[in-house]
N, C-alpha and C. Protein backbone atom coordinates (compact mmCIF):
# COMPACT_ATOMS: atom_id res chain seq x y z
N UNK A 1 -80.87 -46.90 -48.38
CA UNK A 1 -80.89 -47.18 -46.97
C UNK A 1 -81.86 -48.29 -46.60
N UNK A 2 -82.85 -48.55 -47.43
CA UNK A 2 -83.84 -49.57 -47.09
C UNK A 2 -83.92 -50.58 -48.21
N UNK A 3 -84.34 -51.79 -47.87
CA UNK A 3 -84.52 -52.81 -48.88
C UNK A 3 -85.83 -52.57 -49.62
N UNK A 4 -85.99 -53.25 -50.76
CA UNK A 4 -87.21 -53.04 -51.54
C UNK A 4 -88.43 -53.62 -50.83
N UNK A 5 -88.22 -54.61 -49.97
CA UNK A 5 -89.33 -55.21 -49.22
C UNK A 5 -88.93 -55.29 -47.75
N UNK A 6 -88.97 -54.15 -47.04
CA UNK A 6 -88.47 -54.13 -45.68
C UNK A 6 -89.27 -55.04 -44.77
N UNK A 7 -88.55 -55.72 -43.89
CA UNK A 7 -89.20 -56.55 -42.88
C UNK A 7 -89.81 -55.65 -41.82
N UNK A 8 -90.93 -56.04 -41.22
CA UNK A 8 -91.52 -55.21 -40.18
C UNK A 8 -90.64 -55.18 -38.95
N UNK A 9 -90.55 -54.01 -38.32
CA UNK A 9 -89.79 -53.91 -37.08
C UNK A 9 -90.50 -54.69 -36.00
N UNK A 10 -89.72 -55.20 -35.04
CA UNK A 10 -90.31 -55.89 -33.90
C UNK A 10 -91.18 -54.91 -33.13
N UNK A 11 -92.32 -55.38 -32.62
CA UNK A 11 -93.26 -54.50 -31.95
C UNK A 11 -93.59 -55.04 -30.57
N UNK A 12 -93.71 -54.13 -29.61
CA UNK A 12 -94.12 -54.51 -28.27
C UNK A 12 -95.04 -53.43 -27.73
N UNK A 13 -95.99 -53.82 -26.93
CA UNK A 13 -96.82 -52.84 -26.23
C UNK A 13 -96.01 -52.18 -25.13
N UNK A 14 -96.20 -50.90 -24.95
CA UNK A 14 -95.49 -50.19 -23.90
C UNK A 14 -95.89 -50.70 -22.53
N UNK A 15 -94.90 -50.81 -21.64
CA UNK A 15 -95.18 -51.15 -20.25
C UNK A 15 -95.12 -49.93 -19.36
N UNK A 16 -94.93 -48.75 -19.92
CA UNK A 16 -94.78 -47.53 -19.13
C UNK A 16 -96.08 -46.76 -19.00
N UNK A 17 -97.17 -47.29 -19.55
CA UNK A 17 -98.50 -46.70 -19.47
C UNK A 17 -98.58 -45.27 -19.99
N UNK A 18 -98.01 -44.96 -21.16
CA UNK A 18 -98.16 -43.62 -21.71
C UNK A 18 -99.50 -43.44 -22.40
N UNK A 19 -100.30 -44.47 -22.47
CA UNK A 19 -101.60 -44.41 -23.12
C UNK A 19 -101.85 -45.69 -23.86
N UNK A 20 -103.11 -46.11 -23.97
CA UNK A 20 -103.40 -47.41 -24.56
C UNK A 20 -103.09 -47.49 -26.04
N UNK A 21 -102.99 -46.34 -26.73
CA UNK A 21 -102.78 -46.39 -28.17
C UNK A 21 -101.32 -46.26 -28.56
N UNK A 22 -100.40 -46.25 -27.58
CA UNK A 22 -98.97 -46.09 -27.88
C UNK A 22 -98.36 -47.46 -28.15
N UNK A 23 -97.69 -47.57 -29.29
CA UNK A 23 -97.05 -48.81 -29.68
C UNK A 23 -95.57 -48.55 -29.83
N UNK A 24 -94.76 -49.38 -29.16
CA UNK A 24 -93.31 -49.30 -29.30
C UNK A 24 -92.85 -50.32 -30.33
N UNK A 25 -91.86 -49.94 -31.13
CA UNK A 25 -91.31 -50.85 -32.13
C UNK A 25 -89.80 -50.70 -32.15
N UNK A 26 -89.13 -51.77 -32.58
CA UNK A 26 -87.68 -51.78 -32.66
C UNK A 26 -87.26 -52.13 -34.08
N UNK A 27 -86.15 -51.55 -34.51
CA UNK A 27 -85.53 -51.93 -35.78
C UNK A 27 -84.08 -52.25 -35.52
N UNK A 28 -83.62 -53.38 -36.04
CA UNK A 28 -82.26 -53.83 -35.82
C UNK A 28 -81.44 -53.88 -37.10
N UNK A 29 -82.04 -53.55 -38.23
CA UNK A 29 -81.32 -53.48 -39.50
C UNK A 29 -81.88 -52.32 -40.31
N UNK A 30 -81.10 -51.77 -41.23
CA UNK A 30 -81.63 -50.70 -42.08
C UNK A 30 -82.87 -51.13 -42.87
N UNK A 31 -82.95 -52.41 -43.24
CA UNK A 31 -84.08 -52.89 -44.01
C UNK A 31 -85.39 -52.89 -43.25
N UNK A 32 -85.34 -52.74 -41.93
CA UNK A 32 -86.55 -52.68 -41.12
C UNK A 32 -87.08 -51.25 -40.98
N UNK A 33 -86.46 -50.32 -41.69
CA UNK A 33 -86.91 -48.93 -41.66
C UNK A 33 -87.40 -48.56 -43.06
N UNK A 34 -88.71 -48.70 -43.32
CA UNK A 34 -89.22 -48.39 -44.65
C UNK A 34 -89.17 -46.88 -44.92
N UNK A 35 -89.30 -46.50 -46.19
CA UNK A 35 -89.20 -45.07 -46.53
C UNK A 35 -90.17 -44.18 -45.76
N UNK A 36 -91.37 -44.66 -45.50
CA UNK A 36 -92.33 -43.84 -44.78
C UNK A 36 -91.89 -43.54 -43.36
N UNK A 37 -91.29 -44.53 -42.70
CA UNK A 37 -90.79 -44.30 -41.34
C UNK A 37 -89.58 -43.37 -41.38
N UNK A 38 -88.70 -43.57 -42.35
CA UNK A 38 -87.55 -42.66 -42.48
C UNK A 38 -88.03 -41.22 -42.61
N UNK A 39 -89.07 -41.01 -43.42
CA UNK A 39 -89.61 -39.67 -43.61
C UNK A 39 -90.12 -39.09 -42.29
N UNK A 40 -90.82 -39.93 -41.51
CA UNK A 40 -91.37 -39.45 -40.24
C UNK A 40 -90.27 -39.18 -39.21
N UNK A 41 -89.20 -39.97 -39.24
CA UNK A 41 -88.07 -39.72 -38.35
C UNK A 41 -87.42 -38.38 -38.64
N UNK A 42 -87.22 -38.10 -39.92
CA UNK A 42 -86.65 -36.81 -40.32
C UNK A 42 -87.55 -35.67 -39.87
N UNK A 43 -88.85 -35.78 -40.15
CA UNK A 43 -89.78 -34.71 -39.79
C UNK A 43 -89.81 -34.47 -38.29
N UNK A 44 -89.81 -35.56 -37.52
CA UNK A 44 -89.82 -35.44 -36.06
C UNK A 44 -88.56 -34.72 -35.58
N UNK A 45 -87.42 -35.11 -36.10
CA UNK A 45 -86.16 -34.52 -35.67
C UNK A 45 -86.12 -33.03 -35.98
N UNK A 46 -86.63 -32.65 -37.13
CA UNK A 46 -86.68 -31.23 -37.50
C UNK A 46 -87.57 -30.45 -36.53
N UNK A 47 -88.76 -30.98 -36.27
CA UNK A 47 -89.71 -30.29 -35.40
C UNK A 47 -89.16 -30.17 -33.98
N UNK A 48 -88.61 -31.27 -33.47
CA UNK A 48 -88.05 -31.25 -32.10
C UNK A 48 -86.92 -30.24 -32.00
N UNK A 49 -86.02 -30.26 -32.96
CA UNK A 49 -84.88 -29.34 -32.92
C UNK A 49 -85.33 -27.89 -33.00
N UNK A 50 -86.23 -27.61 -33.92
CA UNK A 50 -86.66 -26.22 -34.11
C UNK A 50 -87.54 -25.72 -32.98
N UNK A 51 -88.04 -26.65 -32.15
CA UNK A 51 -88.78 -26.26 -30.95
C UNK A 51 -87.85 -26.09 -29.74
N UNK A 52 -86.54 -26.24 -29.97
CA UNK A 52 -85.58 -26.05 -28.90
C UNK A 52 -85.09 -27.31 -28.23
N UNK A 53 -85.46 -28.48 -28.75
CA UNK A 53 -85.06 -29.73 -28.13
C UNK A 53 -83.57 -30.01 -28.27
N UNK A 54 -83.00 -30.61 -27.23
CA UNK A 54 -81.58 -30.98 -27.22
C UNK A 54 -81.44 -32.38 -27.80
N UNK A 55 -81.47 -32.48 -29.13
CA UNK A 55 -81.51 -33.79 -29.78
C UNK A 55 -80.40 -33.96 -30.82
N UNK A 56 -79.33 -33.20 -30.69
CA UNK A 56 -78.19 -33.43 -31.57
C UNK A 56 -77.86 -32.32 -32.54
N UNK A 57 -78.78 -31.39 -32.74
CA UNK A 57 -78.52 -30.24 -33.60
C UNK A 57 -78.65 -28.99 -32.73
N UNK A 58 -77.53 -28.44 -32.25
CA UNK A 58 -77.61 -27.37 -31.26
C UNK A 58 -77.92 -25.99 -31.81
N UNK A 59 -77.93 -25.84 -33.14
CA UNK A 59 -78.09 -24.51 -33.71
C UNK A 59 -79.28 -24.45 -34.67
N UNK A 60 -80.52 -24.41 -34.13
CA UNK A 60 -81.68 -24.31 -35.00
C UNK A 60 -81.74 -22.92 -35.62
N UNK A 61 -82.52 -22.79 -36.70
CA UNK A 61 -83.37 -23.82 -37.29
C UNK A 61 -82.61 -24.77 -38.21
N UNK A 62 -83.15 -25.98 -38.34
CA UNK A 62 -82.60 -26.96 -39.27
C UNK A 62 -83.70 -27.41 -40.21
N UNK A 63 -83.29 -28.00 -41.32
CA UNK A 63 -84.24 -28.55 -42.29
C UNK A 63 -83.76 -29.90 -42.77
N UNK A 64 -84.39 -30.41 -43.79
CA UNK A 64 -84.06 -31.75 -44.29
C UNK A 64 -82.61 -31.85 -44.75
N UNK A 65 -82.07 -30.78 -45.33
CA UNK A 65 -80.70 -30.84 -45.83
C UNK A 65 -79.70 -31.16 -44.73
N UNK A 66 -79.95 -30.68 -43.52
CA UNK A 66 -79.06 -30.97 -42.40
C UNK A 66 -79.38 -32.31 -41.75
N UNK A 67 -80.66 -32.62 -41.60
CA UNK A 67 -81.07 -33.76 -40.79
C UNK A 67 -80.98 -35.08 -41.55
N UNK A 68 -81.41 -35.12 -42.80
CA UNK A 68 -81.48 -36.39 -43.53
C UNK A 68 -80.15 -37.13 -43.61
N UNK A 69 -79.02 -36.46 -43.92
CA UNK A 69 -77.77 -37.22 -43.99
C UNK A 69 -77.35 -37.81 -42.65
N UNK A 70 -77.62 -37.09 -41.56
CA UNK A 70 -77.25 -37.58 -40.24
C UNK A 70 -78.12 -38.78 -39.88
N UNK A 71 -79.42 -38.69 -40.17
CA UNK A 71 -80.29 -39.83 -39.92
C UNK A 71 -79.87 -41.04 -40.74
N UNK A 72 -79.55 -40.84 -41.99
CA UNK A 72 -79.15 -41.96 -42.83
C UNK A 72 -77.89 -42.65 -42.31
N UNK A 73 -76.96 -41.88 -41.75
CA UNK A 73 -75.77 -42.50 -41.16
C UNK A 73 -76.15 -43.31 -39.92
N UNK A 74 -77.09 -42.81 -39.13
CA UNK A 74 -77.57 -43.58 -37.97
C UNK A 74 -78.22 -44.88 -38.40
N UNK A 75 -79.09 -44.81 -39.41
CA UNK A 75 -79.80 -46.00 -39.86
C UNK A 75 -78.84 -47.03 -40.47
N UNK A 76 -77.79 -46.55 -41.12
CA UNK A 76 -76.83 -47.46 -41.74
C UNK A 76 -76.08 -48.29 -40.70
N UNK A 77 -76.05 -47.82 -39.45
CA UNK A 77 -75.33 -48.53 -38.40
C UNK A 77 -76.19 -49.55 -37.66
N UNK A 78 -77.49 -49.61 -37.97
CA UNK A 78 -78.35 -50.57 -37.29
C UNK A 78 -77.87 -51.99 -37.57
N UNK A 79 -77.85 -52.80 -36.51
CA UNK A 79 -77.38 -54.18 -36.65
C UNK A 79 -77.91 -54.99 -35.47
N UNK A 80 -78.23 -56.27 -35.68
CA UNK A 80 -78.80 -57.08 -34.61
C UNK A 80 -77.94 -57.14 -33.35
N UNK A 81 -76.62 -57.10 -33.51
CA UNK A 81 -75.74 -57.16 -32.34
C UNK A 81 -75.16 -55.78 -31.99
N UNK A 82 -75.76 -54.74 -32.59
CA UNK A 82 -75.23 -53.41 -32.35
C UNK A 82 -76.32 -52.38 -32.15
N UNK A 83 -76.39 -51.39 -33.00
CA UNK A 83 -77.31 -50.28 -32.85
C UNK A 83 -78.76 -50.72 -33.07
N UNK A 84 -79.65 -50.17 -32.26
CA UNK A 84 -81.09 -50.42 -32.39
C UNK A 84 -81.83 -49.08 -32.43
N UNK A 85 -82.85 -49.01 -33.25
CA UNK A 85 -83.78 -47.88 -33.27
C UNK A 85 -85.05 -48.31 -32.54
N UNK A 86 -85.52 -47.47 -31.62
CA UNK A 86 -86.76 -47.73 -30.91
C UNK A 86 -87.68 -46.56 -31.17
N UNK A 87 -88.90 -46.85 -31.63
CA UNK A 87 -89.86 -45.79 -31.95
C UNK A 87 -91.12 -45.96 -31.12
N UNK A 88 -91.82 -44.85 -30.93
CA UNK A 88 -93.12 -44.85 -30.26
C UNK A 88 -94.13 -44.22 -31.21
N UNK A 89 -95.21 -44.93 -31.47
CA UNK A 89 -96.27 -44.46 -32.35
C UNK A 89 -97.56 -44.32 -31.55
N UNK A 90 -98.25 -43.21 -31.74
CA UNK A 90 -99.52 -42.96 -31.05
C UNK A 90 -100.55 -42.52 -32.07
N UNK A 91 -101.65 -43.26 -32.16
CA UNK A 91 -102.69 -42.92 -33.12
C UNK A 91 -102.19 -42.89 -34.55
N UNK A 92 -101.21 -43.71 -34.86
CA UNK A 92 -100.66 -43.77 -36.21
C UNK A 92 -99.59 -42.76 -36.50
N UNK A 93 -99.30 -41.85 -35.56
CA UNK A 93 -98.28 -40.82 -35.76
C UNK A 93 -97.03 -41.15 -34.96
N UNK A 94 -95.87 -40.79 -35.49
CA UNK A 94 -94.62 -41.00 -34.77
C UNK A 94 -94.55 -40.01 -33.60
N UNK A 95 -94.54 -40.55 -32.38
CA UNK A 95 -94.54 -39.70 -31.18
C UNK A 95 -93.15 -39.46 -30.63
N UNK A 96 -92.20 -40.33 -30.98
CA UNK A 96 -90.84 -40.15 -30.48
C UNK A 96 -89.96 -41.32 -30.87
N UNK A 97 -88.66 -41.16 -30.65
CA UNK A 97 -87.73 -42.23 -30.98
C UNK A 97 -86.40 -42.03 -30.27
N UNK A 98 -85.61 -43.09 -30.24
CA UNK A 98 -84.29 -43.07 -29.61
C UNK A 98 -83.44 -44.15 -30.27
N UNK A 99 -82.13 -43.98 -30.22
CA UNK A 99 -81.20 -44.98 -30.74
C UNK A 99 -80.32 -45.48 -29.60
N UNK A 100 -80.19 -46.80 -29.52
CA UNK A 100 -79.26 -47.45 -28.59
C UNK A 100 -78.06 -47.91 -29.39
N UNK A 101 -76.89 -47.41 -29.04
CA UNK A 101 -75.67 -47.77 -29.75
C UNK A 101 -74.82 -48.73 -28.96
N UNK A 102 -74.08 -49.58 -29.69
CA UNK A 102 -73.15 -50.51 -29.05
C UNK A 102 -71.86 -50.54 -29.85
N UNK A 103 -70.76 -50.24 -29.18
CA UNK A 103 -69.44 -50.28 -29.81
C UNK A 103 -69.01 -51.73 -29.96
N UNK A 104 -68.50 -52.10 -31.12
CA UNK A 104 -68.10 -53.48 -31.36
C UNK A 104 -66.69 -53.80 -30.85
N UNK A 105 -65.96 -52.80 -30.39
CA UNK A 105 -64.64 -53.04 -29.81
C UNK A 105 -64.81 -53.89 -28.56
N UNK A 106 -64.18 -55.07 -28.48
CA UNK A 106 -64.39 -55.95 -27.33
C UNK A 106 -64.06 -55.30 -26.00
N UNK A 107 -63.19 -54.31 -26.01
CA UNK A 107 -62.81 -53.65 -24.77
C UNK A 107 -63.99 -52.94 -24.11
N UNK A 108 -64.92 -52.43 -24.92
CA UNK A 108 -66.04 -51.65 -24.38
C UNK A 108 -67.39 -52.18 -24.86
N UNK A 109 -67.44 -53.39 -25.40
CA UNK A 109 -68.68 -53.92 -25.97
C UNK A 109 -69.73 -54.22 -24.92
N UNK A 110 -69.38 -54.19 -23.64
CA UNK A 110 -70.35 -54.42 -22.57
C UNK A 110 -71.10 -53.14 -22.21
N UNK A 111 -70.74 -52.03 -22.84
CA UNK A 111 -71.40 -50.74 -22.62
C UNK A 111 -72.26 -50.39 -23.84
N UNK A 112 -73.36 -49.67 -23.60
CA UNK A 112 -74.16 -49.11 -24.67
C UNK A 112 -74.25 -47.60 -24.50
N UNK A 113 -74.64 -46.91 -25.57
CA UNK A 113 -74.75 -45.45 -25.54
C UNK A 113 -76.12 -45.04 -26.08
N UNK A 114 -76.76 -44.12 -25.39
CA UNK A 114 -78.06 -43.59 -25.80
C UNK A 114 -77.85 -42.37 -26.69
N UNK A 115 -78.54 -42.38 -27.84
CA UNK A 115 -78.42 -41.27 -28.79
C UNK A 115 -79.80 -40.70 -29.14
N UNK A 116 -79.92 -39.39 -29.11
CA UNK A 116 -81.00 -38.65 -29.75
C UNK A 116 -82.41 -38.97 -29.25
N UNK A 117 -82.57 -39.20 -27.96
CA UNK A 117 -83.92 -39.38 -27.43
C UNK A 117 -84.74 -38.12 -27.71
N UNK A 118 -85.93 -38.31 -28.28
CA UNK A 118 -86.78 -37.15 -28.58
C UNK A 118 -88.25 -37.54 -28.61
N UNK A 119 -89.07 -36.59 -28.16
CA UNK A 119 -90.52 -36.72 -28.20
C UNK A 119 -91.08 -35.58 -29.04
N UNK A 120 -91.93 -35.91 -29.99
CA UNK A 120 -92.56 -34.87 -30.81
C UNK A 120 -93.33 -33.92 -29.89
N UNK A 121 -93.23 -32.60 -30.12
CA UNK A 121 -93.93 -31.64 -29.25
C UNK A 121 -95.42 -31.91 -29.10
N UNK A 122 -96.06 -32.49 -30.09
CA UNK A 122 -97.50 -32.78 -30.01
C UNK A 122 -97.82 -33.86 -28.98
N UNK A 123 -96.79 -34.59 -28.53
CA UNK A 123 -97.02 -35.72 -27.62
C UNK A 123 -96.31 -35.55 -26.28
N UNK A 124 -95.85 -34.34 -25.99
CA UNK A 124 -95.16 -34.11 -24.71
C UNK A 124 -96.13 -34.29 -23.56
N UNK A 125 -95.60 -34.75 -22.43
CA UNK A 125 -96.40 -34.91 -21.23
C UNK A 125 -97.22 -36.18 -21.18
N UNK A 126 -97.00 -37.09 -22.11
CA UNK A 126 -97.77 -38.34 -22.15
C UNK A 126 -96.93 -39.56 -21.80
N UNK A 127 -95.71 -39.34 -21.30
CA UNK A 127 -94.87 -40.45 -20.90
C UNK A 127 -94.16 -41.15 -22.04
N UNK A 128 -94.09 -40.51 -23.21
CA UNK A 128 -93.45 -41.14 -24.37
C UNK A 128 -91.96 -41.36 -24.12
N UNK A 129 -91.28 -40.33 -23.62
CA UNK A 129 -89.85 -40.45 -23.36
C UNK A 129 -89.55 -41.53 -22.35
N UNK A 130 -90.37 -41.60 -21.30
CA UNK A 130 -90.19 -42.63 -20.28
C UNK A 130 -90.39 -44.02 -20.87
N UNK A 131 -91.43 -44.19 -21.68
CA UNK A 131 -91.69 -45.49 -22.31
C UNK A 131 -90.53 -45.90 -23.22
N UNK A 132 -90.01 -44.96 -23.99
CA UNK A 132 -88.89 -45.26 -24.88
C UNK A 132 -87.66 -45.69 -24.08
N UNK A 133 -87.39 -44.97 -22.99
CA UNK A 133 -86.20 -45.30 -22.21
C UNK A 133 -86.35 -46.64 -21.49
N UNK A 134 -87.54 -46.95 -20.99
CA UNK A 134 -87.72 -48.24 -20.33
C UNK A 134 -87.58 -49.40 -21.32
N UNK A 135 -88.08 -49.18 -22.53
CA UNK A 135 -87.89 -50.21 -23.56
C UNK A 135 -86.42 -50.32 -23.93
N UNK A 136 -85.73 -49.19 -24.02
CA UNK A 136 -84.30 -49.21 -24.31
C UNK A 136 -83.54 -49.97 -23.22
N UNK A 137 -83.89 -49.73 -21.95
CA UNK A 137 -83.25 -50.46 -20.85
C UNK A 137 -83.46 -51.96 -21.02
N UNK A 138 -84.69 -52.36 -21.38
CA UNK A 138 -85.00 -53.77 -21.52
C UNK A 138 -84.21 -54.39 -22.68
N UNK A 139 -84.18 -53.70 -23.81
CA UNK A 139 -83.44 -54.20 -24.97
C UNK A 139 -81.95 -54.33 -24.63
N UNK A 140 -81.41 -53.33 -23.96
CA UNK A 140 -79.99 -53.36 -23.60
C UNK A 140 -79.67 -54.56 -22.73
N UNK A 141 -80.54 -54.83 -21.76
CA UNK A 141 -80.30 -55.92 -20.82
C UNK A 141 -80.62 -57.29 -21.42
N UNK A 142 -81.83 -57.42 -21.96
CA UNK A 142 -82.34 -58.75 -22.33
C UNK A 142 -81.93 -59.19 -23.72
N UNK A 143 -81.76 -58.26 -24.64
CA UNK A 143 -81.44 -58.63 -26.03
C UNK A 143 -79.97 -58.47 -26.36
N UNK A 144 -79.32 -57.45 -25.81
CA UNK A 144 -77.91 -57.21 -26.14
C UNK A 144 -76.97 -57.63 -25.02
N UNK A 145 -77.52 -57.94 -23.83
CA UNK A 145 -76.68 -58.39 -22.73
C UNK A 145 -75.69 -57.35 -22.24
N UNK A 146 -76.06 -56.08 -22.31
CA UNK A 146 -75.17 -55.01 -21.88
C UNK A 146 -75.17 -54.88 -20.36
N UNK A 147 -74.04 -54.47 -19.82
CA UNK A 147 -73.92 -54.25 -18.38
C UNK A 147 -74.28 -52.82 -17.97
N UNK A 148 -73.89 -51.86 -18.79
CA UNK A 148 -74.06 -50.45 -18.45
C UNK A 148 -74.42 -49.65 -19.69
N UNK A 149 -75.07 -48.52 -19.46
CA UNK A 149 -75.36 -47.55 -20.51
C UNK A 149 -74.79 -46.20 -20.13
N UNK A 150 -74.52 -45.38 -21.14
CA UNK A 150 -74.04 -44.03 -20.88
C UNK A 150 -74.71 -43.06 -21.84
N UNK A 151 -74.73 -41.81 -21.43
CA UNK A 151 -75.21 -40.74 -22.29
C UNK A 151 -74.59 -39.43 -21.85
N UNK A 152 -74.62 -38.46 -22.75
CA UNK A 152 -74.20 -37.09 -22.45
C UNK A 152 -75.39 -36.20 -22.72
N UNK A 153 -75.76 -35.38 -21.73
CA UNK A 153 -76.94 -34.52 -21.83
C UNK A 153 -76.53 -33.06 -21.74
N UNK A 154 -77.28 -32.22 -22.41
CA UNK A 154 -77.06 -30.78 -22.34
C UNK A 154 -77.55 -30.24 -21.01
N UNK A 155 -76.71 -29.54 -20.30
CA UNK A 155 -77.10 -28.94 -19.04
C UNK A 155 -78.13 -27.83 -19.25
N UNK A 156 -78.83 -27.49 -18.17
CA UNK A 156 -79.79 -26.40 -18.24
C UNK A 156 -81.12 -26.75 -18.86
N UNK A 157 -81.40 -28.04 -19.07
CA UNK A 157 -82.65 -28.46 -19.70
C UNK A 157 -83.50 -29.35 -18.77
N UNK A 158 -83.07 -29.51 -17.52
CA UNK A 158 -83.73 -30.40 -16.55
C UNK A 158 -83.66 -31.86 -16.97
N UNK A 159 -82.74 -32.21 -17.85
CA UNK A 159 -82.63 -33.59 -18.31
C UNK A 159 -82.08 -34.51 -17.23
N UNK A 160 -81.24 -33.97 -16.34
CA UNK A 160 -80.70 -34.79 -15.26
C UNK A 160 -81.83 -35.35 -14.40
N UNK A 161 -82.83 -34.54 -14.12
CA UNK A 161 -83.96 -35.00 -13.30
C UNK A 161 -84.75 -36.09 -14.01
N UNK A 162 -84.97 -35.91 -15.31
CA UNK A 162 -85.70 -36.92 -16.08
C UNK A 162 -84.97 -38.26 -16.02
N UNK A 163 -83.68 -38.25 -16.32
CA UNK A 163 -82.95 -39.50 -16.34
C UNK A 163 -82.77 -40.08 -14.94
N UNK A 164 -82.57 -39.24 -13.95
CA UNK A 164 -82.41 -39.73 -12.58
C UNK A 164 -83.65 -40.49 -12.13
N UNK A 165 -84.83 -40.02 -12.52
CA UNK A 165 -86.08 -40.69 -12.14
C UNK A 165 -86.17 -42.09 -12.76
N UNK A 166 -85.38 -42.35 -13.80
CA UNK A 166 -85.38 -43.65 -14.46
C UNK A 166 -84.21 -44.52 -14.02
N UNK A 167 -83.49 -44.09 -12.98
CA UNK A 167 -82.41 -44.91 -12.45
C UNK A 167 -81.02 -44.55 -12.91
N UNK A 168 -80.89 -43.45 -13.66
CA UNK A 168 -79.58 -43.01 -14.11
C UNK A 168 -78.88 -42.20 -13.02
N UNK A 169 -77.55 -42.19 -13.08
CA UNK A 169 -76.75 -41.46 -12.10
C UNK A 169 -75.74 -40.57 -12.82
N UNK A 170 -75.63 -39.35 -12.36
CA UNK A 170 -74.62 -38.45 -12.91
C UNK A 170 -73.25 -38.91 -12.45
N UNK A 171 -72.31 -39.05 -13.40
CA UNK A 171 -70.96 -39.48 -13.07
C UNK A 171 -69.96 -38.34 -13.19
N UNK A 172 -70.37 -37.24 -13.77
CA UNK A 172 -69.48 -36.09 -13.92
C UNK A 172 -70.05 -35.14 -14.94
N UNK A 173 -69.30 -34.09 -15.20
CA UNK A 173 -69.72 -33.13 -16.22
C UNK A 173 -68.51 -32.36 -16.71
N UNK A 174 -68.63 -31.92 -17.95
CA UNK A 174 -67.63 -31.02 -18.52
C UNK A 174 -68.17 -29.60 -18.38
N UNK A 175 -67.64 -28.83 -17.44
CA UNK A 175 -68.18 -27.48 -17.22
C UNK A 175 -68.01 -26.59 -18.45
N UNK A 176 -69.08 -25.87 -18.79
CA UNK A 176 -69.05 -24.89 -19.88
C UNK A 176 -68.57 -25.48 -21.20
N UNK A 177 -68.92 -26.73 -21.44
CA UNK A 177 -68.43 -27.42 -22.64
C UNK A 177 -69.21 -27.07 -23.90
N UNK A 178 -70.47 -26.63 -23.74
CA UNK A 178 -71.36 -26.44 -24.88
C UNK A 178 -71.71 -24.96 -25.00
N UNK A 179 -71.28 -24.32 -26.07
CA UNK A 179 -71.58 -22.91 -26.28
C UNK A 179 -72.65 -22.79 -27.37
N UNK A 180 -73.88 -22.58 -26.93
CA UNK A 180 -75.00 -22.48 -27.86
C UNK A 180 -75.06 -21.10 -28.50
N UNK A 181 -74.73 -20.07 -27.72
CA UNK A 181 -74.67 -18.69 -28.18
C UNK A 181 -73.58 -18.00 -27.36
N UNK A 182 -73.12 -16.84 -27.79
CA UNK A 182 -72.08 -16.16 -27.00
C UNK A 182 -72.47 -15.94 -25.54
N UNK A 183 -73.78 -15.79 -25.27
CA UNK A 183 -74.23 -15.56 -23.90
C UNK A 183 -74.89 -16.79 -23.28
N UNK A 184 -74.71 -17.97 -23.88
CA UNK A 184 -75.37 -19.19 -23.38
C UNK A 184 -74.41 -20.37 -23.49
N UNK A 185 -73.69 -20.63 -22.42
CA UNK A 185 -72.75 -21.74 -22.36
C UNK A 185 -73.23 -22.73 -21.31
N UNK A 186 -73.26 -24.01 -21.65
CA UNK A 186 -73.82 -25.03 -20.77
C UNK A 186 -72.78 -26.10 -20.45
N UNK A 187 -73.03 -26.79 -19.33
CA UNK A 187 -72.25 -27.98 -19.02
C UNK A 187 -72.73 -29.13 -19.89
N UNK A 188 -71.83 -30.08 -20.14
CA UNK A 188 -72.22 -31.37 -20.71
C UNK A 188 -72.26 -32.37 -19.55
N UNK A 189 -73.42 -32.94 -19.30
CA UNK A 189 -73.63 -33.80 -18.15
C UNK A 189 -73.46 -35.25 -18.57
N UNK A 190 -72.61 -35.99 -17.86
CA UNK A 190 -72.31 -37.38 -18.17
C UNK A 190 -73.06 -38.27 -17.20
N UNK A 191 -73.84 -39.23 -17.73
CA UNK A 191 -74.68 -40.07 -16.90
C UNK A 191 -74.50 -41.54 -17.23
N UNK A 192 -74.81 -42.39 -16.23
CA UNK A 192 -74.61 -43.84 -16.34
C UNK A 192 -75.84 -44.57 -15.80
N UNK A 193 -76.13 -45.69 -16.45
CA UNK A 193 -77.22 -46.56 -16.01
C UNK A 193 -76.67 -47.98 -15.92
N UNK A 194 -76.96 -48.64 -14.79
CA UNK A 194 -76.57 -50.04 -14.62
C UNK A 194 -77.73 -50.92 -15.05
N UNK A 195 -77.51 -51.78 -16.01
CA UNK A 195 -78.60 -52.54 -16.61
C UNK A 195 -79.22 -53.57 -15.66
N UNK A 196 -78.59 -53.84 -14.55
CA UNK A 196 -79.19 -54.72 -13.56
C UNK A 196 -80.18 -54.02 -12.67
N UNK A 197 -80.29 -52.68 -12.78
CA UNK A 197 -81.23 -51.94 -11.94
C UNK A 197 -82.62 -52.03 -12.53
N UNK A 198 -83.60 -51.53 -11.80
CA UNK A 198 -85.01 -51.71 -12.18
C UNK A 198 -85.58 -50.53 -12.92
N UNK A 199 -84.82 -49.47 -13.20
CA UNK A 199 -85.40 -48.27 -13.78
C UNK A 199 -85.84 -48.43 -15.20
């Protein structure tokens, strides 16, 4: 998944003020994700999922056997004109990450999709998720030239409020689409962001 001499990911200081020691970085190719970062991405995803986070694995607990192959497929899709990985590091530790996807089909190439936004439980409440999303908005607009973004969120997690505060709008939902347990069925919430907005 990585080259023998990976290039450093692009780095920018956060503009969302989650703390002076938070560094945002982007990767646009698999070679920009060295083995150490891959390891930290896997570990973060496992911890977030097993703490109840809605990050793509709805049936915890999970371990490396489940998470590593899915992460490797995500990393394999990284491309300068397509998928981007955005990470947040605080004090040398991975605090969170998100993937911005872009379909290469010309019919829908003006849209992007947000995948797997997550903040490590040790860094919750510090604005990491907000910083990641604002950087994702900037990358979508300024680097990929996207017009709109979309995502699907698990209902019942207050995620609609989080995204709404960043300029996203609910466009609909699939009622009772997600069955986590026999007694726990949730809506799938569909949301949209216009890249010309300021959120």
